[in-house]
Amino acid sequence: MNAVSFTRMADGTRADYQMLDALERDFAAKLPDRIIEGLLALENSLPGYQITRLEHSLQTASRAEADGADIELIVAALVHDLGDDLAPYNHSQMAASIIRPYVRAEVTWIIEMHGLFQMQFYANHLDLPTDGHLAYKDHPWFDACTRFCRDWDQTSFDPAYKSKPLEHFAPMVREIFTREPFDPAIVGEKAVQTHV
């Protein structure tokens, strides 16, 4: 196996970093497969619901598709809870970080904020505020996030609902996650500037 010559990044050579860049590009090309593996892992995630977290994700994406959402929103609906296992208290932000380089800013914002917006449906039962999302009522994507949560996410815990299988969504996952990361034509110029 090829390996870099350095033990401190500051001591790396041009050849080291060119080799690492080529390896990283190969690794990044397999991102869609890792996204699908991560979704499959949701089959054995947080218990207590009538369906698995994977089925919840499939239902959310199926509802988005049936409602006429575009591919970016459908894939976002599919991966919106991908952070559940590793970031249980900020899963929304983790999922948004995963999808951010590949979709328009609106979609990233919806995924980043969906955890807060979802609280309107249940937080009262935990003696927590249900209206935190209202701090964003004047945000241009407030209504889109409200719709995401109200129509797709919070309704997708139904064992009787017939969702599409993961295989149906796999080509969409591959299309989104093989895009050029931070393409300004997709994510917007501002998102590219904050990435650099």
N, C-alpha and C. Protein backbone atom coordinates (compact mmCIF):
# COMPACT_ATOMS: atom_id res chain seq x y z
N MET A 1 0.84 -1.18 0.00
CA MET A 1 0.00 0.00 0.00
C MET A 1 0.88 1.24 0.00
N ASN A 2 0.55 2.18 -0.84
CA ASN A 2 1.24 3.46 -0.83
C ASN A 2 0.84 4.23 0.41
N ALA A 3 1.80 4.93 0.97
CA ALA A 3 1.54 5.76 2.15
C ALA A 3 2.37 7.02 2.04
N VAL A 4 1.91 8.05 2.69
CA VAL A 4 2.62 9.33 2.68
C VAL A 4 3.93 9.21 3.44
N SER A 5 4.81 10.15 3.19
CA SER A 5 6.12 10.14 3.84
C SER A 5 6.11 10.86 5.18
N PHE A 6 5.03 11.59 5.48
CA PHE A 6 5.05 12.48 6.66
C PHE A 6 4.32 11.89 7.86
N THR A 7 4.68 12.44 9.02
CA THR A 7 3.95 12.16 10.25
C THR A 7 3.29 13.43 10.78
N ARG A 8 3.63 14.56 10.16
CA ARG A 8 2.97 15.85 10.43
C ARG A 8 2.56 16.43 9.08
N MET A 9 1.35 16.93 8.97
CA MET A 9 0.87 17.43 7.68
C MET A 9 1.79 18.49 7.10
N ALA A 10 2.35 19.33 7.95
CA ALA A 10 3.22 20.41 7.47
C ALA A 10 4.47 19.89 6.78
N ASP A 11 4.82 18.63 7.01
CA ASP A 11 6.02 18.05 6.40
C ASP A 11 5.73 17.29 5.11
N GLY A 12 4.48 17.28 4.67
CA GLY A 12 4.12 16.55 3.46
C GLY A 12 4.70 17.18 2.21
N THR A 13 4.90 16.35 1.21
CA THR A 13 5.43 16.81 -0.07
C THR A 13 4.30 16.92 -1.09
N ARG A 14 4.61 17.55 -2.22
CA ARG A 14 3.63 17.64 -3.31
C ARG A 14 3.20 16.25 -3.74
N ALA A 15 4.14 15.32 -3.84
CA ALA A 15 3.81 13.95 -4.24
C ALA A 15 2.88 13.30 -3.23
N ASP A 16 3.12 13.54 -1.94
CA ASP A 16 2.24 13.00 -0.90
C ASP A 16 0.80 13.47 -1.12
N TYR A 17 0.66 14.77 -1.29
CA TYR A 17 -0.69 15.32 -1.38
C TYR A 17 -1.36 15.02 -2.70
N GLN A 18 -0.61 14.86 -3.76
CA GLN A 18 -1.22 14.44 -5.02
C GLN A 18 -1.71 13.00 -4.92
N MET A 19 -0.93 12.14 -4.25
CA MET A 19 -1.35 10.76 -4.05
C MET A 19 -2.62 10.72 -3.19
N LEU A 20 -2.64 11.49 -2.10
CA LEU A 20 -3.81 11.52 -1.23
C LEU A 20 -5.04 12.06 -1.97
N ASP A 21 -4.84 13.05 -2.80
CA ASP A 21 -5.95 13.61 -3.57
C ASP A 21 -6.55 12.56 -4.49
N ALA A 22 -5.71 11.79 -5.16
CA ALA A 22 -6.21 10.73 -6.05
C ALA A 22 -6.96 9.67 -5.25
N LEU A 23 -6.44 9.30 -4.09
CA LEU A 23 -7.11 8.31 -3.25
C LEU A 23 -8.44 8.85 -2.73
N GLU A 24 -8.46 10.13 -2.36
CA GLU A 24 -9.70 10.72 -1.85
C GLU A 24 -10.76 10.80 -2.95
N ARG A 25 -10.36 11.11 -4.16
CA ARG A 25 -11.32 11.15 -5.27
C ARG A 25 -11.93 9.76 -5.52
N ASP A 26 -11.09 8.73 -5.47
CA ASP A 26 -11.61 7.37 -5.62
C ASP A 26 -12.58 7.03 -4.49
N PHE A 27 -12.21 7.40 -3.27
CA PHE A 27 -13.05 7.14 -2.11
C PHE A 27 -14.37 7.90 -2.22
N ALA A 28 -14.31 9.16 -2.61
CA ALA A 28 -15.52 9.98 -2.74
C ALA A 28 -16.46 9.44 -3.81
N ALA A 29 -15.91 8.83 -4.83
CA ALA A 29 -16.74 8.28 -5.90
C ALA A 29 -17.64 7.15 -5.39
N LYS A 30 -17.27 6.56 -4.28
CA LYS A 30 -18.06 5.47 -3.69
C LYS A 30 -19.04 5.98 -2.63
N LEU A 31 -19.19 7.30 -2.51
CA LEU A 31 -20.09 7.87 -1.51
C LEU A 31 -21.53 7.35 -1.64
N PRO A 32 -22.09 7.25 -2.84
CA PRO A 32 -23.47 6.74 -2.92
C PRO A 32 -23.63 5.37 -2.28
N ASP A 33 -22.64 4.50 -2.44
CA ASP A 33 -22.71 3.17 -1.82
C ASP A 33 -22.70 3.29 -0.29
N ARG A 34 -21.89 4.21 0.24
CA ARG A 34 -21.85 4.37 1.69
C ARG A 34 -23.14 5.01 2.22
N ILE A 35 -23.74 5.89 1.44
CA ILE A 35 -25.04 6.47 1.83
C ILE A 35 -26.07 5.35 1.93
N ILE A 36 -26.11 4.48 0.93
CA ILE A 36 -27.06 3.37 0.93
C ILE A 36 -26.78 2.43 2.10
N GLU A 37 -25.52 2.15 2.38
CA GLU A 37 -25.17 1.33 3.55
C GLU A 37 -25.63 1.99 4.84
N GLY A 38 -25.46 3.31 4.94
CA GLY A 38 -25.91 4.04 6.11
C GLY A 38 -27.41 3.95 6.28
N LEU A 39 -28.14 4.04 5.17
CA LEU A 39 -29.60 3.89 5.24
C LEU A 39 -29.98 2.48 5.67
N LEU A 40 -29.30 1.48 5.15
CA LEU A 40 -29.58 0.10 5.56
C LEU A 40 -29.33 -0.11 7.05
N ALA A 41 -28.33 0.59 7.59
CA ALA A 41 -28.03 0.48 9.02
C ALA A 41 -29.18 1.01 9.87
N LEU A 42 -30.01 1.89 9.32
CA LEU A 42 -31.16 2.40 10.06
C LEU A 42 -32.20 1.32 10.34
N GLU A 43 -32.06 0.18 9.69
CA GLU A 43 -32.94 -0.96 9.96
C GLU A 43 -32.79 -1.42 11.41
N ASN A 44 -31.61 -1.21 11.98
CA ASN A 44 -31.32 -1.65 13.35
C ASN A 44 -30.95 -0.47 14.23
N SER A 45 -31.65 0.62 14.06
CA SER A 45 -31.37 1.84 14.80
C SER A 45 -32.34 1.99 15.96
N LEU A 46 -32.55 3.22 16.37
CA LEU A 46 -33.38 3.57 17.51
C LEU A 46 -34.68 2.78 17.57
N PRO A 47 -34.91 2.02 18.65
CA PRO A 47 -36.15 1.24 18.77
C PRO A 47 -37.30 2.09 19.33
N GLY A 48 -38.46 1.46 19.44
CA GLY A 48 -39.59 2.08 20.10
C GLY A 48 -40.71 2.51 19.16
N TYR A 49 -40.39 2.69 17.91
CA TYR A 49 -41.42 3.07 16.93
C TYR A 49 -42.08 1.80 16.38
N GLN A 50 -43.20 1.96 15.71
CA GLN A 50 -43.87 0.81 15.10
C GLN A 50 -43.17 0.33 13.83
N ILE A 51 -42.28 1.17 13.30
CA ILE A 51 -41.50 0.82 12.11
C ILE A 51 -40.04 1.15 12.38
N THR A 52 -39.17 0.63 11.53
CA THR A 52 -37.74 0.93 11.68
C THR A 52 -37.45 2.34 11.19
N ARG A 53 -36.30 2.85 11.54
CA ARG A 53 -35.87 4.16 11.07
C ARG A 53 -35.67 4.12 9.54
N LEU A 54 -35.25 2.98 9.01
CA LEU A 54 -35.14 2.85 7.55
C LEU A 54 -36.52 2.98 6.91
N GLU A 55 -37.52 2.28 7.45
CA GLU A 55 -38.86 2.37 6.88
C GLU A 55 -39.39 3.79 7.00
N HIS A 56 -39.10 4.47 8.11
CA HIS A 56 -39.50 5.88 8.24
C HIS A 56 -38.88 6.71 7.12
N SER A 57 -37.61 6.49 6.84
CA SER A 57 -36.93 7.23 5.77
C SER A 57 -37.55 6.93 4.41
N LEU A 58 -37.84 5.67 4.17
CA LEU A 58 -38.47 5.28 2.90
C LEU A 58 -39.86 5.88 2.77
N GLN A 59 -40.62 5.89 3.86
CA GLN A 59 -41.95 6.50 3.81
C GLN A 59 -41.86 7.99 3.54
N THR A 60 -40.92 8.65 4.19
CA THR A 60 -40.78 10.10 4.00
C THR A 60 -40.44 10.41 2.54
N ALA A 61 -39.50 9.66 1.99
CA ALA A 61 -39.12 9.87 0.58
C ALA A 61 -40.27 9.50 -0.36
N SER A 62 -40.98 8.43 -0.05
CA SER A 62 -42.11 8.02 -0.89
C SER A 62 -43.20 9.09 -0.90
N ARG A 63 -43.47 9.67 0.26
CA ARG A 63 -44.48 10.73 0.34
C ARG A 63 -44.02 11.97 -0.44
N ALA A 64 -42.74 12.29 -0.32
CA ALA A 64 -42.21 13.45 -1.06
C ALA A 64 -42.37 13.22 -2.56
N GLU A 65 -42.01 12.03 -3.01
CA GLU A 65 -42.12 11.73 -4.44
C GLU A 65 -43.58 11.76 -4.89
N ALA A 66 -44.46 11.16 -4.12
CA ALA A 66 -45.88 11.13 -4.48
C ALA A 66 -46.48 12.53 -4.51
N ASP A 67 -45.89 13.43 -3.75
CA ASP A 67 -46.38 14.81 -3.67
C ASP A 67 -45.77 15.70 -4.76
N GLY A 68 -44.94 15.10 -5.63
CA GLY A 68 -44.38 15.85 -6.74
C GLY A 68 -43.08 16.57 -6.45
N ALA A 69 -42.42 16.22 -5.36
CA ALA A 69 -41.14 16.86 -5.04
C ALA A 69 -40.09 16.54 -6.10
N ASP A 70 -39.11 17.42 -6.22
CA ASP A 70 -38.01 17.16 -7.15
C ASP A 70 -37.01 16.19 -6.54
N ILE A 71 -36.05 15.76 -7.34
CA ILE A 71 -35.10 14.73 -6.90
C ILE A 71 -34.29 15.17 -5.67
N GLU A 72 -33.95 16.44 -5.58
CA GLU A 72 -33.17 16.88 -4.43
C GLU A 72 -33.97 16.73 -3.13
N LEU A 73 -35.24 17.09 -3.16
CA LEU A 73 -36.07 16.95 -1.96
C LEU A 73 -36.38 15.49 -1.66
N ILE A 74 -36.54 14.68 -2.68
CA ILE A 74 -36.81 13.25 -2.45
C ILE A 74 -35.61 12.60 -1.77
N VAL A 75 -34.41 12.85 -2.29
CA VAL A 75 -33.21 12.28 -1.68
C VAL A 75 -32.99 12.86 -0.29
N ALA A 76 -33.25 14.14 -0.12
CA ALA A 76 -33.13 14.74 1.20
C ALA A 76 -34.09 14.09 2.18
N ALA A 77 -35.31 13.82 1.74
CA ALA A 77 -36.28 13.13 2.59
C ALA A 77 -35.79 11.75 2.97
N LEU A 78 -35.12 11.10 2.03
CA LEU A 78 -34.59 9.76 2.29
C LEU A 78 -33.48 9.79 3.34
N VAL A 79 -32.60 10.78 3.27
CA VAL A 79 -31.42 10.79 4.15
C VAL A 79 -31.58 11.71 5.36
N HIS A 80 -32.77 12.28 5.56
CA HIS A 80 -32.92 13.33 6.59
C HIS A 80 -32.61 12.86 8.00
N ASP A 81 -32.74 11.57 8.29
CA ASP A 81 -32.43 11.05 9.62
C ASP A 81 -31.18 10.19 9.63
N LEU A 82 -30.35 10.33 8.63
CA LEU A 82 -29.13 9.53 8.55
C LEU A 82 -28.20 9.77 9.74
N GLY A 83 -28.34 10.90 10.40
CA GLY A 83 -27.49 11.20 11.56
C GLY A 83 -27.98 10.62 12.86
N ASP A 84 -29.11 9.92 12.86
CA ASP A 84 -29.69 9.42 14.11
C ASP A 84 -28.71 8.63 14.97
N ASP A 85 -27.94 7.75 14.36
CA ASP A 85 -27.05 6.87 15.13
C ASP A 85 -25.87 7.61 15.75
N LEU A 86 -25.24 8.49 14.99
CA LEU A 86 -24.01 9.13 15.46
C LEU A 86 -24.22 10.50 16.07
N ALA A 87 -25.36 11.11 15.81
CA ALA A 87 -25.63 12.46 16.30
C ALA A 87 -27.08 12.56 16.78
N PRO A 88 -27.44 11.83 17.82
CA PRO A 88 -28.85 11.79 18.22
C PRO A 88 -29.43 13.14 18.63
N TYR A 89 -28.60 14.05 19.08
CA TYR A 89 -29.11 15.36 19.51
C TYR A 89 -28.91 16.46 18.48
N ASN A 90 -28.24 16.14 17.39
CA ASN A 90 -28.11 17.10 16.29
C ASN A 90 -28.12 16.36 14.94
N HIS A 91 -28.99 15.38 14.85
CA HIS A 91 -29.05 14.57 13.63
C HIS A 91 -29.41 15.40 12.41
N SER A 92 -30.21 16.44 12.60
CA SER A 92 -30.60 17.28 11.47
C SER A 92 -29.38 17.97 10.87
N GLN A 93 -28.53 18.51 11.72
CA GLN A 93 -27.34 19.21 11.24
C GLN A 93 -26.36 18.24 10.57
N MET A 94 -26.28 17.02 11.10
CA MET A 94 -25.38 16.05 10.48
C MET A 94 -25.88 15.67 9.09
N ALA A 95 -27.18 15.40 8.97
CA ALA A 95 -27.74 15.05 7.65
C ALA A 95 -27.58 16.21 6.67
N ALA A 96 -27.78 17.44 7.16
CA ALA A 96 -27.61 18.61 6.30
C ALA A 96 -26.16 18.72 5.83
N SER A 97 -25.23 18.43 6.69
CA SER A 97 -23.81 18.50 6.31
C SER A 97 -23.48 17.47 5.24
N ILE A 98 -24.10 16.31 5.32
CA ILE A 98 -23.84 15.26 4.33
C ILE A 98 -24.35 15.67 2.96
N ILE A 99 -25.52 16.26 2.91
CA ILE A 99 -26.14 16.58 1.61
C ILE A 99 -25.74 17.95 1.08
N ARG A 100 -25.25 18.84 1.93
CA ARG A 100 -24.96 20.24 1.57
C ARG A 100 -24.15 20.42 0.27
N PRO A 101 -23.10 19.64 0.01
CA PRO A 101 -22.32 19.91 -1.22
C PRO A 101 -23.04 19.57 -2.52
N TYR A 102 -24.23 18.95 -2.45
CA TYR A 102 -24.83 18.38 -3.65
C TYR A 102 -26.20 18.94 -4.02
N VAL A 103 -26.78 19.77 -3.16
CA VAL A 103 -28.15 20.25 -3.40
C VAL A 103 -28.23 21.76 -3.19
N ARG A 104 -29.33 22.34 -3.64
CA ARG A 104 -29.52 23.78 -3.46
C ARG A 104 -29.64 24.12 -1.98
N ALA A 105 -29.34 25.36 -1.66
CA ALA A 105 -29.31 25.81 -0.27
C ALA A 105 -30.65 25.61 0.43
N GLU A 106 -31.74 25.78 -0.27
CA GLU A 106 -33.07 25.59 0.33
C GLU A 106 -33.22 24.19 0.92
N VAL A 107 -32.79 23.18 0.19
CA VAL A 107 -32.92 21.79 0.63
C VAL A 107 -32.05 21.56 1.86
N THR A 108 -30.83 22.08 1.83
CA THR A 108 -29.95 21.94 2.99
C THR A 108 -30.59 22.58 4.22
N TRP A 109 -31.16 23.75 4.06
CA TRP A 109 -31.78 24.46 5.18
C TRP A 109 -32.95 23.66 5.75
N ILE A 110 -33.76 23.10 4.89
CA ILE A 110 -34.90 22.30 5.34
C ILE A 110 -34.42 21.13 6.19
N ILE A 111 -33.40 20.43 5.71
CA ILE A 111 -32.90 19.27 6.46
C ILE A 111 -32.25 19.72 7.76
N GLU A 112 -31.51 20.80 7.73
CA GLU A 112 -30.86 21.30 8.94
C GLU A 112 -31.87 21.71 10.01
N MET A 113 -33.01 22.24 9.59
CA MET A 113 -34.00 22.78 10.52
C MET A 113 -35.12 21.79 10.86
N HIS A 114 -35.20 20.65 10.20
CA HIS A 114 -36.37 19.81 10.39
C HIS A 114 -36.52 19.31 11.82
N GLY A 115 -35.44 19.09 12.53
CA GLY A 115 -35.55 18.65 13.92
C GLY A 115 -36.27 19.66 14.79
N LEU A 116 -35.94 20.93 14.60
CA LEU A 116 -36.61 21.99 15.35
C LEU A 116 -38.08 22.10 14.94
N PHE A 117 -38.35 22.06 13.66
CA PHE A 117 -39.72 22.19 13.17
C PHE A 117 -40.59 21.01 13.62
N GLN A 118 -39.99 19.82 13.73
CA GLN A 118 -40.75 18.64 14.16
C GLN A 118 -41.25 18.77 15.60
N MET A 119 -40.58 19.58 16.40
CA MET A 119 -40.96 19.67 17.82
C MET A 119 -42.38 20.18 18.02
N GLN A 120 -42.94 20.87 17.03
CA GLN A 120 -44.31 21.35 17.17
C GLN A 120 -45.30 20.20 17.30
N PHE A 121 -44.92 18.99 16.88
CA PHE A 121 -45.82 17.86 16.89
C PHE A 121 -45.75 17.00 18.16
N TYR A 122 -44.69 17.20 18.97
CA TYR A 122 -44.55 16.30 20.12
C TYR A 122 -43.95 16.91 21.38
N ALA A 123 -43.27 18.03 21.28
CA ALA A 123 -42.49 18.54 22.41
C ALA A 123 -43.33 18.84 23.65
N ASN A 124 -44.60 19.17 23.45
CA ASN A 124 -45.47 19.43 24.60
C ASN A 124 -45.55 18.23 25.54
N HIS A 125 -45.43 17.02 25.00
CA HIS A 125 -45.49 15.80 25.81
C HIS A 125 -44.23 15.61 26.65
N LEU A 126 -43.20 16.35 26.33
CA LEU A 126 -41.95 16.29 27.09
C LEU A 126 -41.70 17.58 27.86
N ASP A 127 -42.74 18.41 27.95
CA ASP A 127 -42.65 19.71 28.63
C ASP A 127 -41.56 20.59 28.03
N LEU A 128 -41.46 20.54 26.72
CA LEU A 128 -40.51 21.37 25.98
C LEU A 128 -41.29 22.33 25.09
N PRO A 129 -40.66 23.42 24.67
CA PRO A 129 -41.38 24.36 23.80
C PRO A 129 -41.69 23.74 22.43
N THR A 130 -42.85 24.08 21.92
CA THR A 130 -43.27 23.57 20.61
C THR A 130 -43.15 24.64 19.53
N ASP A 131 -42.78 25.84 19.90
CA ASP A 131 -42.84 26.95 18.96
C ASP A 131 -41.48 27.52 18.56
N GLY A 132 -40.41 26.80 18.81
CA GLY A 132 -39.08 27.30 18.46
C GLY A 132 -38.94 27.61 16.98
N HIS A 133 -39.64 26.85 16.17
CA HIS A 133 -39.56 27.06 14.71
C HIS A 133 -40.11 28.42 14.30
N LEU A 134 -40.97 29.00 15.12
CA LEU A 134 -41.58 30.28 14.76
C LEU A 134 -40.57 31.43 14.74
N ALA A 135 -39.42 31.22 15.33
CA ALA A 135 -38.35 32.23 15.24
C ALA A 135 -37.93 32.44 13.79
N TYR A 136 -38.25 31.49 12.93
CA TYR A 136 -37.88 31.55 11.52
C TYR A 136 -39.07 31.84 10.61
N LYS A 137 -40.17 32.33 11.17
CA LYS A 137 -41.41 32.52 10.40
C LYS A 137 -41.24 33.45 9.21
N ASP A 138 -40.26 34.35 9.26
CA ASP A 138 -40.03 35.26 8.14
C ASP A 138 -38.94 34.76 7.18
N HIS A 139 -38.41 33.59 7.45
CA HIS A 139 -37.37 33.03 6.58
C HIS A 139 -38.01 32.60 5.26
N PRO A 140 -37.34 32.80 4.14
CA PRO A 140 -37.96 32.45 2.84
C PRO A 140 -38.28 30.97 2.68
N TRP A 141 -37.66 30.10 3.46
CA TRP A 141 -37.90 28.67 3.31
C TRP A 141 -38.71 28.10 4.48
N PHE A 142 -39.28 28.96 5.29
CA PHE A 142 -40.11 28.52 6.41
C PHE A 142 -41.25 27.62 5.94
N ASP A 143 -41.97 28.06 4.94
CA ASP A 143 -43.12 27.27 4.46
C ASP A 143 -42.68 25.92 3.88
N ALA A 144 -41.54 25.89 3.21
CA ALA A 144 -41.05 24.64 2.63
C ALA A 144 -40.67 23.65 3.73
N CYS A 145 -40.06 24.13 4.79
CA CYS A 145 -39.70 23.25 5.90
C CYS A 145 -40.95 22.80 6.65
N THR A 146 -41.90 23.70 6.80
CA THR A 146 -43.17 23.34 7.43
C THR A 146 -43.84 22.22 6.66
N ARG A 147 -43.88 22.35 5.34
CA ARG A 147 -44.49 21.32 4.50
C ARG A 147 -43.74 20.00 4.62
N PHE A 148 -42.40 20.06 4.57
CA PHE A 148 -41.58 18.85 4.70
C PHE A 148 -41.95 18.09 5.97
N CYS A 149 -42.02 18.82 7.07
CA CYS A 149 -42.31 18.18 8.36
C CYS A 149 -43.76 17.75 8.48
N ARG A 150 -44.67 18.62 8.11
CA ARG A 150 -46.10 18.36 8.28
C ARG A 150 -46.60 17.24 7.36
N ASP A 151 -46.19 17.29 6.09
CA ASP A 151 -46.78 16.38 5.10
C ASP A 151 -45.98 15.11 4.87
N TRP A 152 -44.68 15.15 5.12
CA TRP A 152 -43.85 13.99 4.79
C TRP A 152 -43.23 13.34 6.02
N ASP A 153 -42.59 14.11 6.86
CA ASP A 153 -41.80 13.53 7.96
C ASP A 153 -42.68 13.03 9.10
N GLN A 154 -43.47 13.90 9.70
CA GLN A 154 -44.22 13.51 10.89
C GLN A 154 -45.32 12.49 10.61
N THR A 155 -45.70 12.33 9.36
CA THR A 155 -46.73 11.35 9.01
C THR A 155 -46.16 9.97 8.69
N SER A 156 -44.86 9.84 8.67
CA SER A 156 -44.21 8.64 8.15
C SER A 156 -43.76 7.67 9.25
N PHE A 157 -44.71 7.29 10.08
CA PHE A 157 -44.47 6.29 11.13
C PHE A 157 -45.56 5.22 11.10
N ASP A 158 -46.09 4.98 9.91
CA ASP A 158 -47.29 4.18 9.72
C ASP A 158 -46.96 2.80 9.17
N PRO A 159 -47.14 1.74 9.97
CA PRO A 159 -46.82 0.40 9.48
C PRO A 159 -47.71 -0.05 8.32
N ALA A 160 -48.83 0.61 8.11
CA ALA A 160 -49.74 0.24 7.01
C ALA A 160 -49.40 0.96 5.71
N TYR A 161 -48.51 1.96 5.76
CA TYR A 161 -48.20 2.72 4.56
C TYR A 161 -47.30 1.89 3.65
N LYS A 162 -47.59 1.91 2.37
CA LYS A 162 -46.80 1.15 1.38
C LYS A 162 -45.77 2.08 0.77
N SER A 163 -44.55 2.02 1.28
CA SER A 163 -43.48 2.86 0.76
C SER A 163 -42.78 2.17 -0.40
N LYS A 164 -42.06 2.95 -1.17
CA LYS A 164 -41.22 2.39 -2.23
C LYS A 164 -39.97 1.79 -1.57
N PRO A 165 -39.39 0.75 -2.15
CA PRO A 165 -38.19 0.14 -1.56
C PRO A 165 -36.95 0.99 -1.81
N LEU A 166 -35.92 0.71 -1.05
CA LEU A 166 -34.67 1.44 -1.20
C LEU A 166 -34.12 1.33 -2.62
N GLU A 167 -34.32 0.20 -3.25
CA GLU A 167 -33.84 0.01 -4.63
C GLU A 167 -34.45 1.03 -5.58
N HIS A 168 -35.66 1.46 -5.30
CA HIS A 168 -36.31 2.48 -6.13
C HIS A 168 -35.56 3.81 -6.04
N PHE A 169 -35.08 4.12 -4.84
CA PHE A 169 -34.41 5.41 -4.62
C PHE A 169 -32.91 5.38 -4.91
N ALA A 170 -32.32 4.18 -5.02
CA ALA A 170 -30.87 4.07 -5.20
C ALA A 170 -30.36 4.87 -6.41
N PRO A 171 -31.01 4.83 -7.58
CA PRO A 171 -30.52 5.64 -8.70
C PRO A 171 -30.54 7.14 -8.40
N MET A 172 -31.52 7.60 -7.64
CA MET A 172 -31.59 9.01 -7.26
C MET A 172 -30.43 9.36 -6.32
N VAL A 173 -30.16 8.47 -5.38
CA VAL A 173 -29.03 8.67 -4.46
C VAL A 173 -27.74 8.78 -5.27
N ARG A 174 -27.57 7.89 -6.23
CA ARG A 174 -26.35 7.92 -7.06
C ARG A 174 -26.28 9.21 -7.88
N GLU A 175 -27.40 9.66 -8.40
CA GLU A 175 -27.40 10.89 -9.19
C GLU A 175 -27.00 12.10 -8.34
N ILE A 176 -27.56 12.21 -7.16
CA ILE A 176 -27.26 13.37 -6.31
C ILE A 176 -25.84 13.32 -5.78
N PHE A 177 -25.43 12.18 -5.25
CA PHE A 177 -24.14 12.11 -4.57
C PHE A 177 -22.96 11.85 -5.50
N THR A 178 -23.19 11.86 -6.81
CA THR A 178 -22.06 11.85 -7.75
C THR A 178 -21.93 13.19 -8.46
N ARG A 179 -22.73 14.17 -8.07
CA ARG A 179 -22.58 15.52 -8.62
C ARG A 179 -21.23 16.09 -8.18
N GLU A 180 -20.78 17.06 -8.95
CA GLU A 180 -19.58 17.79 -8.55
C GLU A 180 -19.89 18.51 -7.24
N PRO A 181 -19.12 18.26 -6.17
CA PRO A 181 -19.42 18.92 -4.90
C PRO A 181 -19.28 20.44 -5.00
N PHE A 182 -20.21 21.13 -4.38
CA PHE A 182 -20.22 22.59 -4.30
C PHE A 182 -20.23 23.25 -5.68
N ASP A 183 -20.91 22.63 -6.61
CA ASP A 183 -21.10 23.24 -7.93
C ASP A 183 -21.94 24.51 -7.73
N PRO A 184 -21.40 25.69 -8.05
CA PRO A 184 -22.15 26.92 -7.79
C PRO A 184 -23.47 26.98 -8.54
N ALA A 185 -23.59 26.27 -9.65
CA ALA A 185 -24.85 26.25 -10.38
C ALA A 185 -25.93 25.50 -9.60
N ILE A 186 -25.53 24.67 -8.65
CA ILE A 186 -26.49 23.90 -7.85
C ILE A 186 -26.62 24.50 -6.45
N VAL A 187 -25.51 24.63 -5.75
CA VAL A 187 -25.58 25.05 -4.33
C VAL A 187 -25.64 26.56 -4.16
N GLY A 188 -25.30 27.29 -5.22
CA GLY A 188 -25.28 28.74 -5.12
C GLY A 188 -23.89 29.25 -4.77
N GLU A 189 -23.61 30.45 -5.21
CA GLU A 189 -22.28 31.05 -5.03
C GLU A 189 -21.95 31.24 -3.55
N LYS A 190 -22.92 31.63 -2.75
CA LYS A 190 -22.67 31.88 -1.33
C LYS A 190 -22.22 30.59 -0.63
N ALA A 191 -22.86 29.47 -0.95
CA ALA A 191 -22.49 28.19 -0.33
C ALA A 191 -21.07 27.81 -0.71
N VAL A 192 -20.68 28.08 -1.94
CA VAL A 192 -19.32 27.78 -2.38
C VAL A 192 -18.33 28.64 -1.60
N GLN A 193 -18.63 29.90 -1.42
CA GLN A 193 -17.73 30.81 -0.69
C GLN A 193 -17.57 30.37 0.77
N THR A 194 -18.62 29.87 1.40
CA THR A 194 -18.51 29.45 2.79
C THR A 194 -17.79 28.14 2.92
N HIS A 195 -17.73 27.36 1.84
CA HIS A 195 -17.03 26.07 1.85
C HIS A 195 -15.51 26.28 1.82
N VAL A 196 -15.06 27.25 1.08
CA VAL A 196 -13.64 27.44 0.86
C VAL A 196 -12.94 27.90 2.11
